[in-house]
Amino acid sequence: MGLFSRLKESISGGSQQAAAADEPKQEAAVEKPGFFGRLKESLTKTRQGFVEKIDNLVHRRKAIDEDLYEELEEILIQADVGVNTAMELVEKTRRTVKERHVDDAGELKAILKEHIRDMLGAEPVPLNITDETPTVVMVVGVNGVGKTTTIGKLAHFYKSQGAKVLLGAADTFRAAAIDQLEIWAERVGVEIIKHREGADPAAVAFDSLQAAKARRADLLIIDTAGRLHTKANLMEELKKISRVLAREMTGAPHEVLLILDATTGQNAVNQARLFGEAVGITGIALTKLDGSSKGGVVIAVKRALDIPVKLIGIGESLEDLRPFSPGDFADALFDE
């Protein structure tokens, strides 16, 4: 199997091994839980604020009536599913109950899970890996969402699949951003292209792409600025970077990956709209899912914007950024 095929398979969930060769081996006696187990654990807060409340609801109310549906809708909204999505889920549940002649409230949770899985989609949506190298991933998002960390983990993930990865430090507005990305490059063991603080971000993107071509990199990941207090200027800068990349390589950037912080709930949806208007988001990486009770935002983003969640971050380790599987998410959320 060639590198391109391996990357396509791995990012769509085919590979479960993400430990780089240069990472120290775990002691045999120390067994880390499988990724599904870590995903389930990461959703504990969301499950407590969502599924457990549904359990309480159906146990308190044996009859399926309008009061039950109203409480169910409220629970969904509190889990940051979004008002419109909550109303849609309740309406779908109501229709299913009627069509199947369900009279036991205890069956509602299984019906709701079924509709959530349908909303999220049946299969994982992989990153846009191209046959022609390098694949160019432009990473966007506001400061503080875990953008640089996600880039480092993403570089680690691909390198572990045998890809040659190059990073481009195009967030030149903060010296700390360049330094942080350089630290991740050293930690993961990949090369980085950088300019001085205050340099033209589009120039960094240009040089990064030229270097990726010259060095025959499989993947170029470009960091960008995320200061929303200069919103108009920021969005124009992102558009400029995208234009430069497109001019230098047909189809680039092949992926515009938006990093969102799950703990921000519905604000994440607003951020997705904002960045989507500027550069056209092709996928979302949702971080800090382990620290949030607002995991319902996964459903909200997909339904409100029809932008697929492609990656999720569920912990601090390098292996805790993985392709998003809608089925696994629903199973982990509702698993007892």
Protein backbone atom coordinates (compact mmCIF):
# COMPACT_ATOMS: atom_id res chain seq x y z
CA MET A 1 0.00 0.00 0.00
CA GLY A 2 1.38 3.39 -1.04
CA LEU A 3 1.73 6.37 1.26
CA PHE A 4 -1.30 8.16 -0.20
CA SER A 5 -3.51 5.11 0.38
CA ARG A 6 -2.20 4.62 3.91
CA LEU A 7 -2.93 8.23 4.78
CA LYS A 8 -6.44 8.03 3.35
CA GLU A 9 -7.09 4.89 5.34
CA SER A 10 -5.57 6.11 8.58
CA ILE A 11 -7.28 9.49 8.69
CA SER A 12 -10.66 7.85 8.05
CA GLY A 13 -10.14 5.66 11.08
CA GLY A 14 -8.57 2.60 9.50
CA SER A 15 -5.42 2.72 11.61
CA GLN A 16 -5.50 2.67 15.37
CA GLN A 17 -1.79 3.08 15.86
CA ALA A 18 -0.52 6.64 16.31
CA ALA A 19 2.70 6.34 18.27
CA ALA A 20 5.69 7.78 16.44
CA ALA A 21 8.84 5.72 16.20
CA ASP A 22 10.87 8.33 18.06
CA GLU A 23 8.46 8.42 21.02
CA PRO A 24 9.51 6.44 24.10
CA LYS A 25 7.76 3.10 24.38
CA GLN A 26 5.20 2.60 27.13
CA GLU A 27 6.18 0.12 29.81
CA ALA A 28 4.51 -3.23 29.19
CA ALA A 29 2.84 -3.10 32.60
CA VAL A 30 1.20 0.23 31.86
CA GLU A 31 -1.73 -0.31 29.53
CA LYS A 32 -3.53 2.70 28.17
CA PRO A 33 -7.24 2.26 27.53
CA GLY A 34 -8.34 1.90 23.94
CA PHE A 35 -9.38 4.99 22.05
CA PHE A 36 -13.08 4.18 22.41
CA GLY A 37 -12.58 3.88 26.16
CA ARG A 38 -10.82 7.25 26.27
CA LEU A 39 -13.54 8.78 24.10
CA LYS A 40 -16.21 7.48 26.45
CA GLU A 41 -14.29 8.81 29.44
CA SER A 42 -13.85 12.19 27.77
CA LEU A 43 -17.61 12.48 27.33
CA THR A 44 -18.30 11.92 31.04
CA LYS A 45 -19.28 15.56 31.69
CA THR A 46 -21.49 15.69 28.63
CA ARG A 47 -23.08 12.38 29.53
CA GLN A 48 -23.79 13.63 33.06
CA GLY A 49 -25.38 16.82 31.76
CA PHE A 50 -27.24 15.15 28.92
CA VAL A 51 -27.83 11.40 28.87
CA GLU A 52 -28.20 11.04 32.63
CA LYS A 53 -30.79 13.82 32.62
CA ILE A 54 -32.69 11.95 29.90
CA ASP A 55 -32.53 8.81 32.04
CA ASN A 56 -33.98 10.71 34.97
CA LEU A 57 -36.65 12.19 32.75
CA VAL A 58 -37.93 8.91 31.34
CA HIS A 59 -37.87 7.28 34.77
CA ARG A 60 -39.87 10.14 36.30
CA ARG A 61 -42.35 10.30 33.46
CA LYS A 62 -43.60 6.96 32.34
CA ALA A 63 -46.14 8.48 29.99
CA ILE A 64 -45.02 10.02 26.71
CA ASP A 65 -46.76 13.38 26.61
CA GLU A 66 -46.12 17.01 25.67
CA ASP A 67 -44.60 17.81 29.05
CA LEU A 68 -42.01 15.09 28.48
CA TYR A 69 -41.15 16.42 25.02
CA GLU A 70 -40.76 19.94 26.41
CA GLU A 71 -38.36 18.73 29.11
CA LEU A 72 -36.44 16.69 26.53
CA GLU A 73 -36.04 19.77 24.34
CA GLU A 74 -34.76 21.77 27.31
CA ILE A 75 -32.17 19.10 28.13
CA LEU A 76 -30.93 19.13 24.54
CA ILE A 77 -30.61 22.92 24.53
CA GLN A 78 -28.67 22.84 27.81
CA ALA A 79 -26.25 20.35 26.23
CA ASP A 80 -25.52 22.99 23.54
CA VAL A 81 -27.14 21.05 20.75
CA GLY A 82 -28.68 24.36 19.67
CA VAL A 83 -32.29 25.52 19.77
CA ASN A 84 -33.20 24.66 16.18
CA THR A 85 -31.43 21.30 16.30
CA ALA A 86 -33.08 20.47 19.64
CA MET A 87 -36.50 21.24 18.18
CA GLU A 88 -35.75 19.12 15.13
CA LEU A 89 -34.56 16.17 17.23
CA VAL A 90 -37.65 16.31 19.42
CA GLU A 91 -39.92 16.49 16.38
CA LYS A 92 -38.16 13.51 14.76
CA THR A 93 -38.48 11.60 18.04
CA ARG A 94 -42.17 12.51 18.26
CA ARG A 95 -42.82 11.20 14.72
CA THR A 96 -40.90 7.98 15.37
CA VAL A 97 -42.84 7.35 18.58
CA LYS A 98 -46.10 7.75 16.65
CA GLU A 99 -45.00 5.64 13.67
CA ARG A 100 -43.76 2.78 15.87
CA HIS A 101 -46.61 3.05 18.36
CA VAL A 102 -44.16 3.44 21.24
CA ASP A 103 -45.81 3.92 24.63
CA ASP A 104 -42.86 3.29 26.94
CA ALA A 105 -40.83 6.42 27.74
CA GLY A 106 -37.85 4.19 28.41
CA GLU A 107 -37.48 3.64 24.67
CA LEU A 108 -36.96 7.34 23.94
CA LYS A 109 -33.22 7.29 24.60
CA ALA A 110 -32.60 4.66 21.93
CA ILE A 111 -34.75 6.59 19.44
CA LEU A 112 -32.92 9.83 20.21
CA LYS A 113 -29.54 8.13 19.77
CA GLU A 114 -30.70 6.82 16.39
CA HIS A 115 -31.61 10.32 15.18
CA ILE A 116 -28.38 11.85 16.50
CA ARG A 117 -26.38 9.25 14.57
CA ASP A 118 -28.38 10.10 11.44
CA MET A 119 -27.67 13.82 11.90
CA LEU A 120 -23.94 13.28 12.33
CA GLY A 121 -23.68 11.04 9.29
CA ALA A 122 -22.98 7.36 8.97
CA GLU A 123 -19.28 7.44 8.14
CA PRO A 124 -16.22 9.44 9.19
CA VAL A 125 -15.28 12.25 6.81
CA PRO A 126 -11.52 12.12 6.15
CA LEU A 127 -9.24 15.08 5.62
CA ASN A 128 -8.74 16.00 1.98
CA ILE A 129 -5.54 14.12 1.21
CA THR A 130 -4.47 14.63 -2.40
CA ASP A 131 -2.67 12.37 -4.86
CA GLU A 132 -0.37 15.23 -5.78
CA THR A 133 2.03 16.25 -3.04
CA PRO A 134 2.20 18.20 -0.91
CA THR A 135 -1.29 18.18 0.56
CA VAL A 136 -1.73 21.68 2.02
CA VAL A 137 -3.73 22.08 5.24
CA MET A 138 -4.44 25.65 6.33
CA VAL A 139 -5.35 25.78 10.02
CA VAL A 140 -7.52 28.61 11.34
CA GLY A 141 -9.19 29.50 14.64
CA VAL A 142 -9.23 32.07 17.39
CA ASN A 143 -6.43 32.24 19.95
CA GLY A 144 -6.84 29.95 22.92
CA VAL A 145 -8.72 27.09 21.27
CA GLY A 146 -5.68 24.80 21.15
CA LYS A 147 -4.70 25.54 17.56
CA THR A 148 -0.94 25.12 17.91
CA THR A 149 -1.31 21.99 20.04
CA THR A 150 -3.69 20.49 17.49
CA ILE A 151 -1.21 21.19 14.69
CA GLY A 152 1.52 19.45 16.65
CA LYS A 153 -0.66 16.42 17.31
CA LEU A 154 -1.82 16.33 13.70
CA ALA A 155 1.80 16.39 12.51
CA HIS A 156 2.54 13.54 14.92
CA PHE A 157 -0.42 11.53 13.65
CA TYR A 158 0.61 11.81 10.01
CA LYS A 159 4.28 11.26 10.69
CA SER A 160 3.37 8.05 12.48
CA GLN A 161 1.72 6.93 9.22
CA GLY A 162 4.99 7.43 7.34
CA ALA A 163 4.31 10.89 5.91
CA LYS A 164 6.95 13.57 5.58
CA VAL A 165 5.43 16.59 7.31
CA LEU A 166 6.41 20.26 7.16
CA LEU A 167 4.98 23.06 9.32
CA GLY A 168 4.56 26.70 8.26
CA ALA A 169 4.52 29.34 11.03
CA ALA A 170 2.26 31.97 9.40
CA ASP A 171 0.94 33.34 12.71
CA THR A 172 3.53 36.10 12.74
CA PHE A 173 1.56 38.53 14.91
CA ARG A 174 2.67 36.80 18.13
CA ALA A 175 6.26 35.79 18.74
CA ALA A 176 4.95 33.22 21.20
CA ALA A 177 2.97 31.52 18.43
CA ILE A 178 6.12 30.98 16.36
CA ASP A 179 8.04 29.75 19.40
CA GLN A 180 5.25 27.36 20.41
CA LEU A 181 5.02 25.87 16.94
CA GLU A 182 8.79 25.44 16.84
CA ILE A 183 8.67 23.56 20.14
CA TRP A 184 6.04 21.23 18.70
CA ALA A 185 8.08 20.72 15.54
CA GLU A 186 11.07 19.67 17.63
CA ARG A 187 8.95 17.44 19.85
CA VAL A 188 7.34 15.63 16.93
CA GLY A 189 10.48 15.62 14.81
CA VAL A 190 9.35 17.57 11.74
CA GLU A 191 10.73 20.60 9.94
CA ILE A 192 9.33 24.10 10.24
CA ILE A 193 9.47 27.19 8.02
CA LYS A 194 9.35 30.48 9.92
CA HIS A 195 10.06 34.20 9.51
CA ARG A 196 10.57 36.87 12.14
CA GLU A 197 7.72 38.25 14.22
CA GLY A 198 5.65 40.74 12.24
CA ALA A 199 6.55 39.30 8.83
CA ASP A 200 3.94 39.01 6.10
CA PRO A 201 1.95 35.80 6.85
CA ALA A 202 1.26 35.23 3.16
CA ALA A 203 5.02 35.36 2.50
CA VAL A 204 5.53 32.65 5.12
CA ALA A 205 2.83 30.55 3.45
CA PHE A 206 4.51 31.07 0.06
CA ASP A 207 7.95 30.05 1.36
CA SER A 208 6.48 27.09 3.22
CA LEU A 209 4.84 25.75 0.08
CA GLN A 210 8.00 26.22 -1.98
CA ALA A 211 10.00 24.40 0.71
CA ALA A 212 7.43 21.59 0.88
CA LYS A 213 7.70 21.09 -2.88
CA ALA A 214 11.51 21.23 -2.88
CA ARG A 215 11.80 18.82 0.04
CA ARG A 216 9.12 16.51 -1.36
CA ALA A 217 6.98 16.73 1.74
CA ASP A 218 3.73 14.78 1.74
CA LEU A 219 1.94 17.22 3.97
CA LEU A 220 2.25 20.93 4.70
CA ILE A 221 0.36 22.28 7.73
CA ILE A 222 0.17 26.07 7.94
CA ASP A 223 -0.63 27.87 11.18
CA THR A 224 -2.44 31.22 10.97
CA ALA A 225 -3.31 34.07 13.33
CA GLY A 226 -6.49 34.09 15.38
CA ARG A 227 -6.98 37.50 16.96
CA LEU A 228 -10.66 38.37 16.75
CA HIS A 229 -10.25 41.89 18.11
CA THR A 230 -8.87 42.79 14.68
CA LYS A 231 -11.58 40.77 12.95
CA ALA A 232 -11.73 42.55 9.58
CA ASN A 233 -7.94 42.66 9.15
CA LEU A 234 -7.61 39.06 10.29
CA MET A 235 -10.12 37.75 7.78
CA GLU A 236 -8.52 39.70 4.94
CA GLU A 237 -5.15 38.23 5.91
CA LEU A 238 -6.57 34.71 5.83
CA LYS A 239 -8.07 35.35 2.40
CA LYS A 240 -4.67 36.59 1.18
CA ILE A 241 -2.91 33.47 2.46
CA SER A 242 -5.49 31.29 0.73
CA ARG A 243 -5.08 33.20 -2.56
CA VAL A 244 -1.29 32.87 -2.46
CA LEU A 245 -1.50 29.13 -1.85
CA ALA A 246 -4.05 28.70 -4.66
CA ARG A 247 -1.83 30.67 -7.04
CA GLU A 248 1.19 28.50 -6.33
CA MET A 249 -0.56 25.13 -6.39
CA THR A 250 -3.80 24.11 -8.04
CA GLY A 251 -6.38 23.16 -5.43
CA ALA A 252 -4.45 24.52 -2.47
CA PRO A 253 -5.27 24.82 0.33
CA HIS A 254 -6.75 21.35 0.02
CA GLU A 255 -8.09 21.48 3.56
CA VAL A 256 -9.09 24.55 5.58
CA LEU A 257 -9.32 23.14 9.07
CA LEU A 258 -11.07 25.19 11.75
CA ILE A 259 -10.08 24.49 15.35
CA LEU A 260 -12.92 24.90 17.83
CA ASP A 261 -12.92 24.61 21.62
CA ALA A 262 -15.76 22.35 22.78
CA THR A 263 -15.99 24.17 26.11
CA THR A 264 -17.26 27.33 24.36
CA GLY A 265 -20.51 25.64 23.34
CA GLN A 266 -22.69 27.66 20.97
CA ASN A 267 -19.96 30.28 20.59
CA ALA A 268 -18.09 27.66 18.58
CA VAL A 269 -20.93 27.69 16.04
CA ASN A 270 -20.62 31.47 15.71
CA GLN A 271 -16.87 31.18 15.18
CA ALA A 272 -17.43 28.57 12.47
CA ARG A 273 -19.81 30.93 10.66
CA LEU A 274 -17.34 33.80 10.87
CA PHE A 275 -14.35 31.89 9.52
CA GLY A 276 -16.48 30.07 6.98
CA GLU A 277 -17.56 33.37 5.43
CA ALA A 278 -13.92 34.40 5.02
CA VAL A 279 -12.11 31.31 3.80
CA GLY A 280 -14.56 28.47 3.32
CA ILE A 281 -14.06 25.87 6.04
CA THR A 282 -13.79 22.28 4.80
CA GLY A 283 -13.51 20.57 8.18
CA ILE A 284 -13.47 21.07 11.93
CA ALA A 285 -11.20 19.79 14.67
CA LEU A 286 -12.99 19.95 18.01
CA THR A 287 -10.60 20.23 20.96
CA LYS A 288 -10.96 19.91 24.75
CA LEU A 289 -13.89 17.53 24.50
CA ASP A 290 -12.63 15.89 27.69
CA GLY A 291 -13.05 19.11 29.68
CA SER A 292 -16.50 20.02 28.45
CA SER A 293 -20.09 19.33 29.41
CA LYS A 294 -21.07 20.79 26.03
CA GLY A 295 -20.27 17.88 23.74
CA GLY A 296 -23.62 18.47 22.06
CA VAL A 297 -21.89 21.22 20.09
CA VAL A 298 -20.65 18.43 17.78
CA ILE A 299 -24.24 17.94 16.68
CA ALA A 300 -24.93 21.69 16.55
CA VAL A 301 -21.99 22.45 14.26
CA LYS A 302 -22.83 19.66 11.84
CA ARG A 303 -26.52 20.52 11.68
CA ALA A 304 -26.32 24.30 11.67
CA LEU A 305 -23.46 24.68 9.21
CA ASP A 306 -23.15 21.32 7.47
CA ILE A 307 -19.41 21.36 8.10
CA PRO A 308 -18.08 17.93 9.06
CA VAL A 309 -16.22 17.41 12.31
CA LYS A 310 -13.16 15.54 11.07
CA LEU A 311 -10.97 15.39 14.17
CA ILE A 312 -11.53 15.43 17.92
CA GLY A 313 -9.14 16.06 20.79
CA ILE A 314 -9.97 14.15 23.95
CA GLY A 315 -6.88 14.56 26.12
CA GLU A 316 -3.35 15.82 26.57
CA SER A 317 -1.32 13.01 25.04
CA LEU A 318 -0.09 13.00 21.44
CA GLU A 319 -2.42 10.11 20.65
CA ASP A 320 -5.54 11.90 21.85
CA LEU A 321 -6.24 13.67 18.56
CA ARG A 322 -8.00 11.26 16.23
CA PRO A 323 -10.36 11.07 13.27
CA PHE A 324 -13.95 11.67 14.33
CA SER A 325 -16.28 8.69 13.99
CA PRO A 326 -19.97 9.68 14.28
CA GLY A 327 -20.96 6.15 15.23
CA ASP A 328 -18.33 5.87 17.95
CA PHE A 329 -19.30 9.29 19.29
CA ALA A 330 -22.97 8.33 19.59
CA ASP A 331 -22.09 4.96 21.13
CA ALA A 332 -19.70 6.52 23.65
CA LEU A 333 -22.21 9.24 24.53
CA PHE A 334 -25.07 6.83 25.22
CA ASP A 335 -23.04 3.85 26.48
CA GLU A 336 -23.92 2.79 30.00
